[in-house]
């Protein structure tokens, strides 16, 4: 059942009553998407794995009380993003200075897992760089749609914004991303021309 699309209300009800197969279906359907969303938000692989596990522990504990029919994905992704923000706040409170080399290594390790699996290293690097240059609000729309796999209706519910507004935001974010990628490609071609 994993990968067949959103889980049904019946599956959620069965999982809430302790049905192992239903729970396995939920985890199979959503764990990769939650992990991908966390990575796209800059979490390193270890943190993304830790937060993903924590999210599903929370869901398991609260699923019996879950009543917001039809909004499970929004609820799940909201838990994930809140957990990631909590972790970031906790780390800021306990931050300690590091050397410049360590910062750069940390940034390289925290580069998000991109949706373009199978793309060449250069293309993936260019895509990650372009996404990182988007504003936080543009990245959020791109990540929710293309990493978390949310529909625009789900995004609307999750963010509390009208559907038309989200469609427009997504269109503008993609246009900005395309422009950044085209600019990066033009810069690369100019660099190659200078070298030859």
C-alpha atoms as a PDB file:
ATOM      1  CA  UNK A   1       0.000   0.000   0.000  1.00  0.00           C
ATOM      2  CA  UNK A   2       2.970   2.361   0.519  1.00  0.00           C
ATOM      3  CA  UNK A   3       3.330   4.830  -2.312  1.00  0.00           C
ATOM      4  CA  UNK A   4      -0.302   4.460  -3.446  1.00  0.00           C
ATOM      5  CA  UNK A   5      -1.258   7.924  -2.209  1.00  0.00           C
ATOM      6  CA  UNK A   6      -2.690   9.383   0.959  1.00  0.00           C
ATOM      7  CA  UNK A   7      -3.869   6.852   3.493  1.00  0.00           C
ATOM      8  CA  UNK A   8      -7.588   6.506   4.035  1.00  0.00           C
ATOM      9  CA  UNK A   9      -9.562   7.506   7.115  1.00  0.00           C
ATOM     10  CA  UNK A  10     -10.175   3.804   7.648  1.00  0.00           C
ATOM     11  CA  UNK A  11      -6.420   3.099   7.711  1.00  0.00           C
ATOM     12  CA  UNK A  12      -5.925   5.931  10.206  1.00  0.00           C
ATOM     13  CA  UNK A  13      -8.707   4.553  12.410  1.00  0.00           C
ATOM     14  CA  UNK A  14      -7.230   1.049  12.279  1.00  0.00           C
ATOM     15  CA  UNK A  15      -3.766   2.382  13.161  1.00  0.00           C
ATOM     16  CA  UNK A  16      -5.250   4.364  16.048  1.00  0.00           C
ATOM     17  CA  UNK A  17      -6.684   1.079  17.400  1.00  0.00           C
ATOM     18  CA  UNK A  18      -3.260  -0.568  17.186  1.00  0.00           C
ATOM     19  CA  UNK A  19      -3.438  -2.374  13.823  1.00  0.00           C
ATOM     20  CA  UNK A  20       0.215  -3.037  12.886  1.00  0.00           C
ATOM     21  CA  UNK A  21      -0.445  -3.346   9.138  1.00  0.00           C
ATOM     22  CA  UNK A  22      -2.267   0.001   9.063  1.00  0.00           C
ATOM     23  CA  UNK A  23       0.541   1.670  11.008  1.00  0.00           C
ATOM     24  CA  UNK A  24       3.125   0.163   8.642  1.00  0.00           C
ATOM     25  CA  UNK A  25       1.133   1.577   5.722  1.00  0.00           C
ATOM     26  CA  UNK A  26       1.161   5.078   7.239  1.00  0.00           C
ATOM     27  CA  UNK A  27       4.889   4.983   7.964  1.00  0.00           C
ATOM     28  CA  UNK A  28       5.606   3.559   4.512  1.00  0.00           C
ATOM     29  CA  UNK A  29       3.583   6.268   2.806  1.00  0.00           C
ATOM     30  CA  UNK A  30       4.881   9.261   4.732  1.00  0.00           C
ATOM     31  CA  UNK A  31       8.296   8.602   6.303  1.00  0.00           C
ATOM     32  CA  UNK A  32      10.238   9.307   3.093  1.00  0.00           C
ATOM     33  CA  UNK A  33       8.280  12.479   2.448  1.00  0.00           C
ATOM     34  CA  UNK A  34       8.755  13.759   6.013  1.00  0.00           C
ATOM     35  CA  UNK A  35      12.481  12.965   5.823  1.00  0.00           C
ATOM     36  CA  UNK A  36      12.766  14.692   2.427  1.00  0.00           C
ATOM     37  CA  UNK A  37      10.979  17.788   3.711  1.00  0.00           C
ATOM     38  CA  UNK A  38      13.300  17.996   6.716  1.00  0.00           C
ATOM     39  CA  UNK A  39      16.396  17.583   4.522  1.00  0.00           C
ATOM     40  CA  UNK A  40      15.117  20.252   2.147  1.00  0.00           C
ATOM     41  CA  UNK A  41      14.867  22.585   5.148  1.00  0.00           C
ATOM     42  CA  UNK A  42      18.583  22.097   5.830  1.00  0.00           C
ATOM     43  CA  UNK A  43      18.559  19.283   8.371  1.00  0.00           C
ATOM     44  CA  UNK A  44      21.555  16.995   8.060  1.00  0.00           C
ATOM     45  CA  UNK A  45      20.797  13.285   7.474  1.00  0.00           C
ATOM     46  CA  UNK A  46      21.171  12.318  11.139  1.00  0.00           C
ATOM     47  CA  UNK A  47      18.924  15.124  12.388  1.00  0.00           C
ATOM     48  CA  UNK A  48      16.343  14.477   9.652  1.00  0.00           C
ATOM     49  CA  UNK A  49      16.242  10.797  10.633  1.00  0.00           C
ATOM     50  CA  UNK A  50      15.976  11.652  14.333  1.00  0.00           C
ATOM     51  CA  UNK A  51      13.183  14.184  13.795  1.00  0.00           C
ATOM     52  CA  UNK A  52      11.336  11.831  11.420  1.00  0.00           C
ATOM     53  CA  UNK A  53      11.351   9.128  14.088  1.00  0.00           C
ATOM     54  CA  UNK A  54      10.240  11.640  16.710  1.00  0.00           C
ATOM     55  CA  UNK A  55       7.379  12.800  14.471  1.00  0.00           C
ATOM     56  CA  UNK A  56       6.071   9.263  14.050  1.00  0.00           C
ATOM     57  CA  UNK A  57       6.341   8.657  17.809  1.00  0.00           C
ATOM     58  CA  UNK A  58       4.196  11.763  18.335  1.00  0.00           C
ATOM     59  CA  UNK A  59       1.717  10.643  15.696  1.00  0.00           C
ATOM     60  CA  UNK A  60       1.491   7.176  17.276  1.00  0.00           C
ATOM     61  CA  UNK A  61       0.806   8.723  20.678  1.00  0.00           C
ATOM     62  CA  UNK A  62      -1.797  11.206  19.422  1.00  0.00           C
ATOM     63  CA  UNK A  63      -3.461   9.324  16.564  1.00  0.00           C
ATOM     64  CA  UNK A  64      -6.259   7.980  18.781  1.00  0.00           C
ATOM     65  CA  UNK A  65      -7.287  11.599  19.535  1.00  0.00           C
ATOM     66  CA  UNK A  66      -6.851  12.799  15.942  1.00  0.00           C
ATOM     67  CA  UNK A  67     -10.199  14.025  14.593  1.00  0.00           C
ATOM     68  CA  UNK A  68      -9.394  16.521  11.822  1.00  0.00           C
ATOM     69  CA  UNK A  69     -10.634  14.305   8.977  1.00  0.00           C
ATOM     70  CA  UNK A  70      -9.007  14.888   5.620  1.00  0.00           C
ATOM     71  CA  UNK A  71      -6.112  16.925   6.978  1.00  0.00           C
ATOM     72  CA  UNK A  72      -3.771  14.218   8.185  1.00  0.00           C
ATOM     73  CA  UNK A  73      -0.905  15.225   5.877  1.00  0.00           C
ATOM     74  CA  UNK A  74      -1.087  18.859   6.961  1.00  0.00           C
ATOM     75  CA  UNK A  75      -1.100  17.769  10.600  1.00  0.00           C
ATOM     76  CA  UNK A  76       1.848  15.416  10.043  1.00  0.00           C
ATOM     77  CA  UNK A  77       3.965  17.972   8.176  1.00  0.00           C
ATOM     78  CA  UNK A  78       3.124  20.668  10.739  1.00  0.00           C
ATOM     79  CA  UNK A  79       4.421  18.375  13.499  1.00  0.00           C
ATOM     80  CA  UNK A  80       7.613  17.795  11.485  1.00  0.00           C
ATOM     81  CA  UNK A  81       8.251  21.491  10.840  1.00  0.00           C
ATOM     82  CA  UNK A  82       7.499  22.422  14.455  1.00  0.00           C
ATOM     83  CA  UNK A  83       9.865  19.725  15.689  1.00  0.00           C
ATOM     84  CA  UNK A  84      12.612  20.999  13.365  1.00  0.00           C
ATOM     85  CA  UNK A  85      12.064  24.600  14.538  1.00  0.00           C
ATOM     86  CA  UNK A  86      12.167  23.456  18.166  1.00  0.00           C
ATOM     87  CA  UNK A  87      15.488  21.738  17.505  1.00  0.00           C
ATOM     88  CA  UNK A  88      16.887  24.860  15.841  1.00  0.00           C
ATOM     89  CA  UNK A  89      15.777  27.038  18.777  1.00  0.00           C
ATOM     90  CA  UNK A  90      17.334  24.600  21.246  1.00  0.00           C
ATOM     91  CA  UNK A  91      20.617  24.638  19.321  1.00  0.00           C
ATOM     92  CA  UNK A  92      20.684  28.442  19.180  1.00  0.00           C
ATOM     93  CA  UNK A  93      20.317  28.572  22.963  1.00  0.00           C
ATOM     94  CA  UNK A  94      23.276  26.202  23.331  1.00  0.00           C
ATOM     95  CA  UNK A  95      25.381  27.463  20.419  1.00  0.00           C
ATOM     96  CA  UNK A  96      29.135  27.487  20.807  1.00  0.00           C
ATOM     97  CA  UNK A  97      31.669  29.195  18.541  1.00  0.00           C
ATOM     98  CA  UNK A  98      33.369  27.112  15.868  1.00  0.00           C
ATOM     99  CA  UNK A  99      36.154  27.712  13.395  1.00  0.00           C
ATOM    100  CA  UNK A 100      35.391  28.890   9.860  1.00  0.00           C
ATOM    101  CA  UNK A 101      36.367  25.517   8.329  1.00  0.00           C
ATOM    102  CA  UNK A 102      33.922  23.726  10.617  1.00  0.00           C
ATOM    103  CA  UNK A 103      31.123  26.079   9.579  1.00  0.00           C
ATOM    104  CA  UNK A 104      31.770  25.437   5.899  1.00  0.00           C
ATOM    105  CA  UNK A 105      31.934  21.676   6.455  1.00  0.00           C
ATOM    106  CA  UNK A 106      28.673  21.837   8.402  1.00  0.00           C
ATOM    107  CA  UNK A 107      26.991  23.787   5.626  1.00  0.00           C
ATOM    108  CA  UNK A 108      28.165  21.283   3.031  1.00  0.00           C
ATOM    109  CA  UNK A 109      26.878  18.398   5.140  1.00  0.00           C
ATOM    110  CA  UNK A 110      23.529  20.119   5.647  1.00  0.00           C
ATOM    111  CA  UNK A 111      22.813  20.695   1.954  1.00  0.00           C
ATOM    112  CA  UNK A 112      19.261  19.497   1.308  1.00  0.00           C
ATOM    113  CA  UNK A 113      18.350  16.274  -0.418  1.00  0.00           C
ATOM    114  CA  UNK A 114      16.955  17.364  -3.734  1.00  0.00           C
ATOM    115  CA  UNK A 115      14.034  15.997  -5.691  1.00  0.00           C
ATOM    116  CA  UNK A 116      16.138  15.580  -8.839  1.00  0.00           C
ATOM    117  CA  UNK A 117      17.449  12.108  -8.110  1.00  0.00           C
ATOM    118  CA  UNK A 118      19.605  10.779 -10.910  1.00  0.00           C
ATOM    119  CA  UNK A 119      20.612  14.258 -12.071  1.00  0.00           C
ATOM    120  CA  UNK A 120      24.299  14.907 -12.606  1.00  0.00           C
ATOM    121  CA  UNK A 121      26.294  16.343  -9.733  1.00  0.00           C
ATOM    122  CA  UNK A 122      26.647  19.709 -11.465  1.00  0.00           C
ATOM    123  CA  UNK A 123      22.912  20.014 -12.138  1.00  0.00           C
ATOM    124  CA  UNK A 124      22.042  18.966  -8.594  1.00  0.00           C
ATOM    125  CA  UNK A 125      24.555  21.414  -7.149  1.00  0.00           C
ATOM    126  CA  UNK A 126      23.147  24.210  -9.330  1.00  0.00           C
ATOM    127  CA  UNK A 127      19.584  23.335  -8.274  1.00  0.00           C
ATOM    128  CA  UNK A 128      20.483  23.272  -4.568  1.00  0.00           C
ATOM    129  CA  UNK A 129      22.322  26.555  -4.905  1.00  0.00           C
ATOM    130  CA  UNK A 130      19.388  28.183  -6.687  1.00  0.00           C
ATOM    131  CA  UNK A 131      16.861  26.887  -4.137  1.00  0.00           C
ATOM    132  CA  UNK A 132      19.061  28.154  -1.304  1.00  0.00           C
ATOM    133  CA  UNK A 133      19.019  31.639  -2.882  1.00  0.00           C
ATOM    134  CA  UNK A 134      15.214  31.788  -2.843  1.00  0.00           C
ATOM    135  CA  UNK A 135      13.477  33.611  -0.013  1.00  0.00           C
ATOM    136  CA  UNK A 136      12.274  31.509   2.902  1.00  0.00           C
ATOM    137  CA  UNK A 137       8.641  31.860   1.800  1.00  0.00           C
ATOM    138  CA  UNK A 138       9.451  30.791  -1.776  1.00  0.00           C
ATOM    139  CA  UNK A 139      11.476  27.811  -0.511  1.00  0.00           C
ATOM    140  CA  UNK A 140       8.612  26.799   1.758  1.00  0.00           C
ATOM    141  CA  UNK A 141       6.157  26.599  -1.156  1.00  0.00           C
ATOM    142  CA  UNK A 142       8.645  24.705  -3.353  1.00  0.00           C
ATOM    143  CA  UNK A 143       9.511  22.264  -0.539  1.00  0.00           C
ATOM    144  CA  UNK A 144       5.916  21.548   0.473  1.00  0.00           C
ATOM    145  CA  UNK A 145       4.885  20.939  -3.136  1.00  0.00           C
ATOM    146  CA  UNK A 146       7.924  19.146  -4.567  1.00  0.00           C
ATOM    147  CA  UNK A 147       9.626  17.535  -1.578  1.00  0.00           C
ATOM    148  CA  UNK A 148       6.717  16.780   0.750  1.00  0.00           C
ATOM    149  CA  UNK A 149       4.429  16.080  -2.215  1.00  0.00           C
ATOM    150  CA  UNK A 150       1.493  18.030  -0.813  1.00  0.00           C
ATOM    151  CA  UNK A 151      -1.366  19.035  -3.084  1.00  0.00           C
ATOM    152  CA  UNK A 152      -2.198  22.718  -3.350  1.00  0.00           C
ATOM    153  CA  UNK A 153      -5.361  22.077  -1.337  1.00  0.00           C
ATOM    154  CA  UNK A 154      -3.305  20.463   1.439  1.00  0.00           C
ATOM    155  CA  UNK A 155      -0.810  23.329   1.303  1.00  0.00           C
ATOM    156  CA  UNK A 156      -3.690  25.795   1.581  1.00  0.00           C
ATOM    157  CA  UNK A 157      -4.958  24.059   4.713  1.00  0.00           C
ATOM    158  CA  UNK A 158      -1.465  23.678   6.149  1.00  0.00           C
ATOM    159  CA  UNK A 159      -0.480  27.323   5.639  1.00  0.00           C
ATOM    160  CA  UNK A 160      -3.936  28.806   6.158  1.00  0.00           C
ATOM    161  CA  UNK A 161      -3.807  30.651   2.832  1.00  0.00           C
ATOM    162  CA  UNK A 162      -6.318  30.775  -0.020  1.00  0.00           C
ATOM    163  CA  UNK A 163      -5.721  28.277  -2.811  1.00  0.00           C
ATOM    164  CA  UNK A 164      -5.366  31.009  -5.457  1.00  0.00           C
ATOM    165  CA  UNK A 165      -2.718  32.773  -3.388  1.00  0.00           C
ATOM    166  CA  UNK A 166      -0.701  29.577  -3.105  1.00  0.00           C
ATOM    167  CA  UNK A 167      -0.964  28.860  -6.814  1.00  0.00           C
ATOM    168  CA  UNK A 168       0.341  32.354  -7.537  1.00  0.00           C
ATOM    169  CA  UNK A 169       3.134  32.025  -4.936  1.00  0.00           C
ATOM    170  CA  UNK A 170       4.166  28.667  -6.408  1.00  0.00           C
ATOM    171  CA  UNK A 171       4.184  30.061  -9.950  1.00  0.00           C
ATOM    172  CA  UNK A 172       6.322  33.046  -8.892  1.00  0.00           C
ATOM    173  CA  UNK A 173       8.700  30.822  -6.897  1.00  0.00           C
ATOM    174  CA  UNK A 174       9.204  28.517  -9.894  1.00  0.00           C
ATOM    175  CA  UNK A 175       9.804  31.533 -12.159  1.00  0.00           C
ATOM    176  CA  UNK A 176      12.433  32.855  -9.733  1.00  0.00           C
ATOM    177  CA  UNK A 177      14.044  29.417  -9.514  1.00  0.00           C
ATOM    178  CA  UNK A 178      14.106  29.110 -13.312  1.00  0.00           C
ATOM    179  CA  UNK A 179      15.709  32.557 -13.616  1.00  0.00           C
ATOM    180  CA  UNK A 180      18.346  31.661 -11.036  1.00  0.00           C
ATOM    181  CA  UNK A 181      19.125  28.395 -12.830  1.00  0.00           C
ATOM    182  CA  UNK A 182      19.323  30.105 -16.231  1.00  0.00           C
ATOM    183  CA  UNK A 183      21.593  32.784 -14.766  1.00  0.00           C
ATOM    184  CA  UNK A 184      23.786  30.109 -13.235  1.00  0.00           C
ATOM    185  CA  UNK A 185      23.956  28.237 -16.557  1.00  0.00           C
ATOM    186  CA  UNK A 186      24.876  31.444 -18.396  1.00  0.00           C
ATOM    187  CA  UNK A 187      27.598  32.152 -15.826  1.00  0.00           C
ATOM    188  CA  UNK A 188      28.958  28.614 -16.273  1.00  0.00           C
ATOM    189  CA  UNK A 189      29.037  28.982 -20.069  1.00  0.00           C
ATOM    190  CA  UNK A 190      30.839  32.304 -19.768  1.00  0.00           C
ATOM    191  CA  UNK A 191      33.372  30.736 -17.382  1.00  0.00           C
ATOM    192  CA  UNK A 192      33.974  27.852 -19.817  1.00  0.00           C
ATOM    193  CA  UNK A 193      34.461  30.322 -22.676  1.00  0.00           C
ATOM    194  CA  UNK A 194      37.024  32.269 -20.622  1.00  0.00           C
ATOM    195  CA  UNK A 195      38.958  29.072 -19.867  1.00  0.00           C
ATOM    196  CA  UNK A 196      39.195  27.990 -23.513  1.00  0.00           C
END
